[in-house]
Amino acid sequence: RDQFSTPPQLAALAVLAAQVRPKDRVLEPSAGTGLLAVVAEACGASLTLNELAPTRAALLDGLFARATRRRYDGRHLPDLIVDAGAFDVVV
């Protein structure tokens, strides 16, 4: 399973471009090690993180205890997350 780790500067830029605001509901469909999630959380967003790879998913479990965490194949998220259309931002 390949992974592209988002550089911290690019993560900050992506969340800034997405205009994440406090109380936004943010979905990270392929959360990896959580760099985008860290920045979104710092903006005050509530997070739903999805990561299929067991090792990275376990890392997210430890780092984001308050976030909703899923372990689905990201291609199927619209079918598996009941309120998938209710997110304010997807990063």
PDB file of N, CA and C in Angstrom:
ATOM      1  N   ARG A   1       0.832  -1.175   0.000  1.00  0.00           N
ATOM      2  CA  ARG A   1       0.000   0.000   0.000  1.00  0.00           C
ATOM      3  C   ARG A   1       0.876   1.236   0.000  1.00  0.00           C
ATOM      4  N   ASP A   2       0.705   2.002  -1.022  1.00  0.00           N
ATOM      5  CA  ASP A   2       1.498   3.209  -1.157  1.00  0.00           C
ATOM      6  C   ASP A   2       0.923   4.321  -0.307  1.00  0.00           C
ATOM      7  N   GLN A   3       1.813   5.231   0.077  1.00  0.00           N
ATOM      8  CA  GLN A   3       1.376   6.396   0.831  1.00  0.00           C
ATOM      9  C   GLN A   3       2.169   7.598   0.364  1.00  0.00           C
ATOM     10  N   PHE A   4       1.477   8.702   0.199  1.00  0.00           N
ATOM     11  CA  PHE A   4       2.117   9.983  -0.051  1.00  0.00           C
ATOM     12  C   PHE A   4       1.919  10.808   1.202  1.00  0.00           C
ATOM     13  N   SER A   5       2.988  11.076   1.918  1.00  0.00           N
ATOM     14  CA  SER A   5       2.899  11.902   3.123  1.00  0.00           C
ATOM     15  C   SER A   5       2.916  13.365   2.713  1.00  0.00           C
ATOM     16  N   THR A   6       1.851  14.056   3.052  1.00  0.00           N
ATOM     17  CA  THR A   6       1.730  15.468   2.714  1.00  0.00           C
ATOM     18  C   THR A   6       2.753  16.269   3.511  1.00  0.00           C
ATOM     19  N   PRO A   7       3.596  17.043   2.844  1.00  0.00           N
ATOM     20  CA  PRO A   7       4.529  17.906   3.583  1.00  0.00           C
ATOM     21  C   PRO A   7       3.740  18.894   4.443  1.00  0.00           C
ATOM     22  N   PRO A   8       4.242  19.220   5.636  1.00  0.00           N
ATOM     23  CA  PRO A   8       3.505  20.108   6.547  1.00  0.00           C
ATOM     24  C   PRO A   8       3.088  21.440   5.915  1.00  0.00           C
ATOM     25  N   GLN A   9       3.959  22.030   5.102  1.00  0.00           N
ATOM     26  CA  GLN A   9       3.619  23.306   4.476  1.00  0.00           C
ATOM     27  C   GLN A   9       2.446  23.152   3.516  1.00  0.00           C
ATOM     28  N   LEU A  10       2.419  22.038   2.781  1.00  0.00           N
ATOM     29  CA  LEU A  10       1.332  21.783   1.846  1.00  0.00           C
ATOM     30  C   LEU A  10       0.036  21.468   2.593  1.00  0.00           C
ATOM     31  N   ALA A  11       0.141  20.772   3.725  1.00  0.00           N
ATOM     32  CA  ALA A  11      -1.040  20.490   4.544  1.00  0.00           C
ATOM     33  C   ALA A  11      -1.667  21.793   5.028  1.00  0.00           C
ATOM     34  N   ALA A  12      -0.842  22.700   5.511  1.00  0.00           N
ATOM     35  CA  ALA A  12      -1.349  23.995   5.985  1.00  0.00           C
ATOM     36  C   ALA A  12      -1.989  24.768   4.840  1.00  0.00           C
ATOM     37  N   LEU A  13      -1.371  24.759   3.690  1.00  0.00           N
ATOM     38  CA  LEU A  13      -1.904  25.462   2.528  1.00  0.00           C
ATOM     39  C   LEU A  13      -3.234  24.852   2.078  1.00  0.00           C
ATOM     40  N   ALA A  14      -3.336  23.530   2.078  1.00  0.00           N
ATOM     41  CA  ALA A  14      -4.567  22.856   1.658  1.00  0.00           C
ATOM     42  C   ALA A  14      -5.725  23.193   2.598  1.00  0.00           C
ATOM     43  N   VAL A  15      -5.467  23.181   3.890  1.00  0.00           N
ATOM     44  CA  VAL A  15      -6.529  23.493   4.853  1.00  0.00           C
ATOM     45  C   VAL A  15      -6.899  24.971   4.768  1.00  0.00           C
ATOM     46  N   LEU A  16      -5.923  25.824   4.537  1.00  0.00           N
ATOM     47  CA  LEU A  16      -6.199  27.251   4.341  1.00  0.00           C
ATOM     48  C   LEU A  16      -7.045  27.454   3.082  1.00  0.00           C
ATOM     49  N   ALA A  17      -6.684  26.788   2.004  1.00  0.00           N
ATOM     50  CA  ALA A  17      -7.437  26.914   0.750  1.00  0.00           C
ATOM     51  C   ALA A  17      -8.853  26.377   0.905  1.00  0.00           C
ATOM     52  N   ALA A  18      -9.033  25.357   1.740  1.00  0.00           N
ATOM     53  CA  ALA A  18     -10.362  24.785   1.982  1.00  0.00           C
ATOM     54  C   ALA A  18     -11.196  25.663   2.915  1.00  0.00           C
ATOM     55  N   GLN A  19     -10.571  26.678   3.487  1.00  0.00           N
ATOM     56  CA  GLN A  19     -11.240  27.629   4.386  1.00  0.00           C
ATOM     57  C   GLN A  19     -11.912  26.924   5.562  1.00  0.00           C
ATOM     58  N   VAL A  20     -11.178  26.016   6.196  1.00  0.00           N
ATOM     59  CA  VAL A  20     -11.704  25.309   7.365  1.00  0.00           C
ATOM     60  C   VAL A  20     -11.872  26.303   8.504  1.00  0.00           C
ATOM     61  N   ARG A  21     -13.058  26.254   9.106  1.00  0.00           N
ATOM     62  CA  ARG A  21     -13.411  27.179  10.189  1.00  0.00           C
ATOM     63  C   ARG A  21     -13.813  26.400  11.434  1.00  0.00           C
ATOM     64  N   PRO A  22     -13.813  27.079  12.587  1.00  0.00           N
ATOM     65  CA  PRO A  22     -14.269  26.401  13.810  1.00  0.00           C
ATOM     66  C   PRO A  22     -15.664  25.809  13.606  1.00  0.00           C
ATOM     67  N   LYS A  23     -15.848  24.635  14.134  1.00  0.00           N
ATOM     68  CA  LYS A  23     -17.112  23.892  14.094  1.00  0.00           C
ATOM     69  C   LYS A  23     -17.417  23.249  12.740  1.00  0.00           C
ATOM     70  N   ASP A  24     -16.571  23.435  11.736  1.00  0.00           N
ATOM     71  CA  ASP A  24     -16.767  22.726  10.471  1.00  0.00           C
ATOM     72  C   ASP A  24     -16.627  21.227  10.711  1.00  0.00           C
ATOM     73  N   ARG A  25     -17.389  20.455   9.973  1.00  0.00           N
ATOM     74  CA  ARG A  25     -17.251  19.000   9.965  1.00  0.00           C
ATOM     75  C   ARG A  25     -16.351  18.651   8.792  1.00  0.00           C
ATOM     76  N   VAL A  26     -15.179  18.092   9.094  1.00  0.00           N
ATOM     77  CA  VAL A  26     -14.165  17.821   8.076  1.00  0.00           C
ATOM     78  C   VAL A  26     -13.978  16.316   7.909  1.00  0.00           C
ATOM     79  N   LEU A  27     -13.995  15.878   6.664  1.00  0.00           N
ATOM     80  CA  LEU A  27     -13.693  14.491   6.321  1.00  0.00           C
ATOM     81  C   LEU A  27     -12.326  14.440   5.670  1.00  0.00           C
ATOM     82  N   GLU A  28     -11.491  13.547   6.181  1.00  0.00           N
ATOM     83  CA  GLU A  28     -10.193  13.251   5.558  1.00  0.00           C
ATOM     84  C   GLU A  28     -10.305  11.814   5.069  1.00  0.00           C
ATOM     85  N   PRO A  29     -10.584  11.586   3.774  1.00  0.00           N
ATOM     86  CA  PRO A  29     -10.890  10.239   3.287  1.00  0.00           C
ATOM     87  C   PRO A  29      -9.702   9.290   3.224  1.00  0.00           C
ATOM     88  N   SER A  30      -8.509   9.814   3.242  1.00  0.00           N
ATOM     89  CA  SER A  30      -7.300   8.991   3.242  1.00  0.00           C
ATOM     90  C   SER A  30      -6.300   9.674   4.160  1.00  0.00           C
ATOM     91  N   ALA A  31      -6.521   9.532   5.459  1.00  0.00           N
ATOM     92  CA  ALA A  31      -5.860  10.368   6.466  1.00  0.00           C
ATOM     93  C   ALA A  31      -4.374  10.084   6.659  1.00  0.00           C
ATOM     94  N   GLY A  32      -3.909   8.919   6.255  1.00  0.00           N
ATOM     95  CA  GLY A  32      -2.474   8.634   6.388  1.00  0.00           C
ATOM     96  C   GLY A  32      -1.996   8.796   7.816  1.00  0.00           C
ATOM     97  N   THR A  33      -1.011   9.654   8.018  1.00  0.00           N
ATOM     98  CA  THR A  33      -0.471   9.890   9.359  1.00  0.00           C
ATOM     99  C   THR A  33      -1.073  11.126  10.017  1.00  0.00           C
ATOM    100  N   GLY A  34      -2.033  11.772   9.358  1.00  0.00           N
ATOM    101  CA  GLY A  34      -2.802  12.821  10.005  1.00  0.00           C
ATOM    102  C   GLY A  34      -2.319  14.247   9.850  1.00  0.00           C
ATOM    103  N   LEU A  35      -1.430  14.524   8.913  1.00  0.00           N
ATOM    104  CA  LEU A  35      -0.928  15.899   8.804  1.00  0.00           C
ATOM    105  C   LEU A  35      -2.013  16.904   8.421  1.00  0.00           C
ATOM    106  N   LEU A  36      -2.880  16.551   7.487  1.00  0.00           N
ATOM    107  CA  LEU A  36      -3.987  17.455   7.153  1.00  0.00           C
ATOM    108  C   LEU A  36      -4.936  17.580   8.335  1.00  0.00           C
ATOM    109  N   ALA A  37      -5.168  16.478   9.028  1.00  0.00           N
ATOM    110  CA  ALA A  37      -6.080  16.479  10.171  1.00  0.00           C
ATOM    111  C   ALA A  37      -5.577  17.363  11.306  1.00  0.00           C
ATOM    112  N   VAL A  38      -4.275  17.363  11.545  1.00  0.00           N
ATOM    113  CA  VAL A  38      -3.700  18.206  12.600  1.00  0.00           C
ATOM    114  C   VAL A  38      -4.031  19.670  12.346  1.00  0.00           C
ATOM    115  N   VAL A  39      -3.852  20.101  11.116  1.00  0.00           N
ATOM    116  CA  VAL A  39      -4.102  21.509  10.783  1.00  0.00           C
ATOM    117  C   VAL A  39      -5.593  21.821  10.864  1.00  0.00           C
ATOM    118  N   ALA A  40      -6.436  20.927  10.361  1.00  0.00           N
ATOM    119  CA  ALA A  40      -7.886  21.144  10.427  1.00  0.00           C
ATOM    120  C   ALA A  40      -8.359  21.191  11.877  1.00  0.00           C
ATOM    121  N   GLU A  41      -7.816  20.321  12.711  1.00  0.00           N
ATOM    122  CA  GLU A  41      -8.176  20.323  14.133  1.00  0.00           C
ATOM    123  C   GLU A  41      -7.733  21.622  14.798  1.00  0.00           C
ATOM    124  N   ALA A  42      -6.569  22.118  14.429  1.00  0.00           N
ATOM    125  CA  ALA A  42      -6.080  23.387  14.984  1.00  0.00           C
ATOM    126  C   ALA A  42      -6.988  24.553  14.600  1.00  0.00           C
ATOM    127  N   CYS A  43      -7.701  24.406  13.495  1.00  0.00           N
ATOM    128  CA  CYS A  43      -8.660  25.436  13.065  1.00  0.00           C
ATOM    129  C   CYS A  43      -9.987  25.313  13.804  1.00  0.00           C
ATOM    130  N   GLY A  44     -10.141  24.284  14.630  1.00  0.00           N
ATOM    131  CA  GLY A  44     -11.353  24.114  15.409  1.00  0.00           C
ATOM    132  C   GLY A  44     -12.383  23.190  14.801  1.00  0.00           C
ATOM    133  N   ALA A  45     -12.007  22.455  13.760  1.00  0.00           N
ATOM    134  CA  ALA A  45     -12.946  21.557  13.080  1.00  0.00           C
ATOM    135  C   ALA A  45     -13.149  20.272  13.874  1.00  0.00           C
ATOM    136  N   SER A  46     -14.296  19.635  13.658  1.00  0.00           N
ATOM    137  CA  SER A  46     -14.500  18.279  14.168  1.00  0.00           C
ATOM    138  C   SER A  46     -14.168  17.333  13.017  1.00  0.00           C
ATOM    139  N   LEU A  47     -13.472  16.263  13.333  1.00  0.00           N
ATOM    140  CA  LEU A  47     -12.868  15.424  12.303  1.00  0.00           C
ATOM    141  C   LEU A  47     -13.526  14.062  12.175  1.00  0.00           C
ATOM    142  N   THR A  48     -13.628  13.608  10.936  1.00  0.00           N
ATOM    143  CA  THR A  48     -13.885  12.210  10.621  1.00  0.00           C
ATOM    144  C   THR A  48     -12.709  11.778   9.755  1.00  0.00           C
ATOM    145  N   LEU A  49     -11.955  10.832  10.264  1.00  0.00           N
ATOM    146  CA  LEU A  49     -10.735  10.387   9.592  1.00  0.00           C
ATOM    147  C   LEU A  49     -10.928   8.965   9.086  1.00  0.00           C
ATOM    148  N   ASN A  50     -10.532   8.734   7.878  1.00  0.00           N
ATOM    149  CA  ASN A  50     -10.603   7.405   7.292  1.00  0.00           C
ATOM    150  C   ASN A  50      -9.207   6.989   6.857  1.00  0.00           C
ATOM    151  N   GLU A  51      -8.797   5.793   7.268  1.00  0.00           N
ATOM    152  CA  GLU A  51      -7.510   5.241   6.837  1.00  0.00           C
ATOM    153  C   GLU A  51      -7.625   3.729   6.808  1.00  0.00           C
ATOM    154  N   LEU A  52      -7.365   3.145   5.669  1.00  0.00           N
ATOM    155  CA  LEU A  52      -7.489   1.706   5.478  1.00  0.00           C
ATOM    156  C   LEU A  52      -6.299   0.928   6.048  1.00  0.00           C
ATOM    157  N   ALA A  53      -5.096   1.441   5.898  1.00  0.00           N
ATOM    158  CA  ALA A  53      -3.896   0.715   6.327  1.00  0.00           C
ATOM    159  C   ALA A  53      -3.876   0.577   7.851  1.00  0.00           C
ATOM    160  N   PRO A  54      -3.762  -0.632   8.371  1.00  0.00           N
ATOM    161  CA  PRO A  54      -3.855  -0.871   9.814  1.00  0.00           C
ATOM    162  C   PRO A  54      -2.844  -0.091  10.663  1.00  0.00           C
ATOM    163  N   THR A  55      -1.603  -0.011  10.218  1.00  0.00           N
ATOM    164  CA  THR A  55      -0.587   0.684  11.017  1.00  0.00           C
ATOM    165  C   THR A  55      -0.878   2.169  11.114  1.00  0.00           C
ATOM    166  N   ARG A  56      -1.218   2.781   9.983  1.00  0.00           N
ATOM    167  CA  ARG A  56      -1.533   4.215  10.004  1.00  0.00           C
ATOM    168  C   ARG A  56      -2.848   4.478  10.741  1.00  0.00           C
ATOM    169  N   ALA A  57      -3.823   3.591  10.591  1.00  0.00           N
ATOM    170  CA  ALA A  57      -5.091   3.747  11.308  1.00  0.00           C
ATOM    171  C   ALA A  57      -4.863   3.680  12.819  1.00  0.00           C
ATOM    172  N   ALA A  58      -4.000   2.797  13.262  1.00  0.00           N
ATOM    173  CA  ALA A  58      -3.687   2.700  14.691  1.00  0.00           C
ATOM    174  C   ALA A  58      -3.003   3.971  15.184  1.00  0.00           C
ATOM    175  N   LEU A  59      -2.147   4.542  14.362  1.00  0.00           N
ATOM    176  CA  LEU A  59      -1.498   5.810  14.716  1.00  0.00           C
ATOM    177  C   LEU A  59      -2.551   6.907  14.902  1.00  0.00           C
ATOM    178  N   LEU A  60      -3.505   6.974  13.989  1.00  0.00           N
ATOM    179  CA  LEU A  60      -4.580   7.971  14.093  1.00  0.00           C
ATOM    180  C   LEU A  60      -5.422   7.737  15.337  1.00  0.00           C
ATOM    181  N   ASP A  61      -5.646   6.482  15.704  1.00  0.00           N
ATOM    182  CA  ASP A  61      -6.406   6.177  16.923  1.00  0.00           C
ATOM    183  C   ASP A  61      -5.734   6.800  18.138  1.00  0.00           C
ATOM    184  N   GLY A  62      -4.414   6.742  18.173  1.00  0.00           N
ATOM    185  CA  GLY A  62      -3.678   7.307  19.300  1.00  0.00           C
ATOM    186  C   GLY A  62      -3.594   8.822  19.276  1.00  0.00           C
ATOM    187  N   LEU A  63      -3.542   9.402  18.088  1.00  0.00           N
ATOM    188  CA  LEU A  63      -3.371  10.853  17.973  1.00  0.00           C
ATOM    189  C   LEU A  63      -4.676  11.646  18.024  1.00  0.00           C
ATOM    190  N   PHE A  64      -5.762  11.025  17.586  1.00  0.00           N
ATOM    191  CA  PHE A  64      -7.029  11.749  17.436  1.00  0.00           C
ATOM    192  C   PHE A  64      -8.160  11.011  18.155  1.00  0.00           C
ATOM    193  N   ALA A  65      -8.045  10.901  19.462  1.00  0.00           N
ATOM    194  CA  ALA A  65      -9.020  10.142  20.249  1.00  0.00           C
ATOM    195  C   ALA A  65     -10.428  10.727  20.149  1.00  0.00           C
ATOM    196  N   ARG A  66     -10.559  12.034  19.942  1.00  0.00           N
ATOM    197  CA  ARG A  66     -11.877  12.672  19.873  1.00  0.00           C
ATOM    198  C   ARG A  66     -12.495  12.607  18.472  1.00  0.00           C
ATOM    199  N   ALA A  67     -11.705  12.264  17.483  1.00  0.00           N
ATOM    200  CA  ALA A  67     -12.202  12.216  16.104  1.00  0.00           C
ATOM    201  C   ALA A  67     -12.968  10.921  15.855  1.00  0.00           C
ATOM    202  N   THR A  68     -13.902  10.987  14.932  1.00  0.00           N
ATOM    203  CA  THR A  68     -14.537   9.771  14.429  1.00  0.00           C
ATOM    204  C   THR A  68     -13.542   9.142  13.466  1.00  0.00           C
ATOM    205  N   ARG A  69     -13.267   7.859  13.657  1.00  0.00           N
ATOM    206  CA  ARG A  69     -12.275   7.190  12.821  1.00  0.00           C
ATOM    207  C   ARG A  69     -12.902   5.992  12.126  1.00  0.00           C
ATOM    208  N   ARG A  70     -12.586   5.850  10.859  1.00  0.00           N
ATOM    209  CA  ARG A  70     -13.101   4.760  10.043  1.00  0.00           C
ATOM    210  C   ARG A  70     -11.932   4.053   9.364  1.00  0.00           C
ATOM    211  N   ARG A  71     -12.171   2.808   8.955  1.00  0.00           N
ATOM    212  CA  ARG A  71     -11.141   2.016   8.265  1.00  0.00           C
ATOM    213  C   ARG A  71     -11.724   1.394   7.003  1.00  0.00           C
ATOM    214  N   TYR A  72     -12.228   2.239   6.149  1.00  0.00           N
ATOM    215  CA  TYR A  72     -12.864   1.781   4.912  1.00  0.00           C
ATOM    216  C   TYR A  72     -11.962   2.057   3.717  1.00  0.00           C
ATOM    217  N   ASP A  73     -12.226   1.357   2.634  1.00  0.00           N
ATOM    218  CA  ASP A  73     -11.627   1.705   1.356  1.00  0.00           C
ATOM    219  C   ASP A  73     -12.272   3.026   0.950  1.00  0.00           C
ATOM    220  N   GLY A  74     -11.480   4.061   0.774  1.00  0.00           N
ATOM    221  CA  GLY A  74     -11.987   5.395   0.497  1.00  0.00           C
ATOM    222  C   GLY A  74     -12.905   5.487  -0.707  1.00  0.00           C
ATOM    223  N   ARG A  75     -12.759   4.576  -1.645  1.00  0.00           N
ATOM    224  CA  ARG A  75     -13.627   4.587  -2.835  1.00  0.00           C
ATOM    225  C   ARG A  75     -15.087   4.335  -2.483  1.00  0.00           C
ATOM    226  N   HIS A  76     -15.324   3.729  -1.326  1.00  0.00           N
ATOM    227  CA  HIS A  76     -16.683   3.344  -0.961  1.00  0.00           C
ATOM    228  C   HIS A  76     -17.297   4.225   0.129  1.00  0.00           C
ATOM    229  N   LEU A  77     -16.626   5.285   0.511  1.00  0.00           N
ATOM    230  CA  LEU A  77     -17.122   6.138   1.594  1.00  0.00           C
ATOM    231  C   LEU A  77     -18.536   6.661   1.371  1.00  0.00           C
ATOM    232  N   PRO A  78     -18.895   7.121   0.181  1.00  0.00           N
ATOM    233  CA  PRO A  78     -20.268   7.619   0.017  1.00  0.00           C
ATOM    234  C   PRO A  78     -21.332   6.573   0.339  1.00  0.00           C
ATOM    235  N   ASP A  79     -21.004   5.312   0.158  1.00  0.00           N
ATOM    236  CA  ASP A  79     -21.957   4.239   0.437  1.00  0.00           C
ATOM    237  C   ASP A  79     -21.903   3.767   1.887  1.00  0.00           C
ATOM    238  N   LEU A  80     -20.796   4.001   2.566  1.00  0.00           N
ATOM    239  CA  LEU A  80     -20.597   3.443   3.900  1.00  0.00           C
ATOM    240  C   LEU A  80     -20.823   4.439   5.039  1.00  0.00           C
ATOM    241  N   ILE A  81     -20.668   5.709   4.768  1.00  0.00           N
ATOM    242  CA  ILE A  81     -20.893   6.718   5.809  1.00  0.00           C
ATOM    243  C   ILE A  81     -22.283   7.299   5.578  1.00  0.00           C
ATOM    244  N   VAL A  82     -23.166   7.070   6.527  1.00  0.00           N
ATOM    245  CA  VAL A  82     -24.572   7.447   6.377  1.00  0.00           C
ATOM    246  C   VAL A  82     -24.743   8.921   6.036  1.00  0.00           C
ATOM    247  N   ASP A  83     -24.024   9.794   6.721  1.00  0.00           N
ATOM    248  CA  ASP A  83     -24.168  11.237   6.490  1.00  0.00           C
ATOM    249  C   ASP A  83     -23.026  11.798   5.653  1.00  0.00           C
ATOM    250  N   ALA A  84     -22.565  11.046   4.662  1.00  0.00           N
ATOM    251  CA  ALA A  84     -21.402  11.431   3.871  1.00  0.00           C
ATOM    252  C   ALA A  84     -21.565  12.803   3.188  1.00  0.00           C
ATOM    253  N   GLY A  85     -22.766  13.184   2.873  1.00  0.00           N
ATOM    254  CA  GLY A  85     -22.977  14.479   2.212  1.00  0.00           C
ATOM    255  C   GLY A  85     -23.082  15.649   3.161  1.00  0.00           C
ATOM    256  N   ALA A  86     -22.928  15.408   4.454  1.00  0.00           N
ATOM    257  CA  ALA A  86     -23.131  16.467   5.452  1.00  0.00           C
ATOM    258  C   ALA A  86     -21.846  17.163   5.886  1.00  0.00           C
ATOM    259  N   PHE A  87     -20.711  16.810   5.303  1.00  0.00           N
ATOM    260  CA  PHE A  87     -19.451  17.439   5.700  1.00  0.00           C
ATOM    261  C   PHE A  87     -19.346  18.833   5.098  1.00  0.00           C
ATOM    262  N   ASP A  88     -18.734  19.732   5.868  1.00  0.00           N
ATOM    263  CA  ASP A  88     -18.496  21.085   5.372  1.00  0.00           C
ATOM    264  C   ASP A  88     -17.284  21.125   4.442  1.00  0.00           C
ATOM    265  N   VAL A  89     -16.307  20.288   4.745  1.00  0.00           N
ATOM    266  CA  VAL A  89     -15.039  20.286   4.004  1.00  0.00           C
ATOM    267  C   VAL A  89     -14.538  18.856   3.883  1.00  0.00           C
ATOM    268  N   VAL A  90     -13.963  18.539   2.714  1.00  0.00           N
ATOM    269  CA  VAL A  90     -13.253  17.274   2.523  1.00  0.00           C
ATOM    270  C   VAL A  90     -11.849  17.645   2.085  1.00  0.00           C
ATOM    271  N   VAL A  91     -10.852  17.158   2.821  1.00  0.00           N
ATOM    272  CA  VAL A  91      -9.455  17.460   2.484  1.00  0.00           C
ATOM    273  C   VAL A  91      -8.689  16.174   2.235  1.00  0.00           C
TER     274      VAL A  91
END
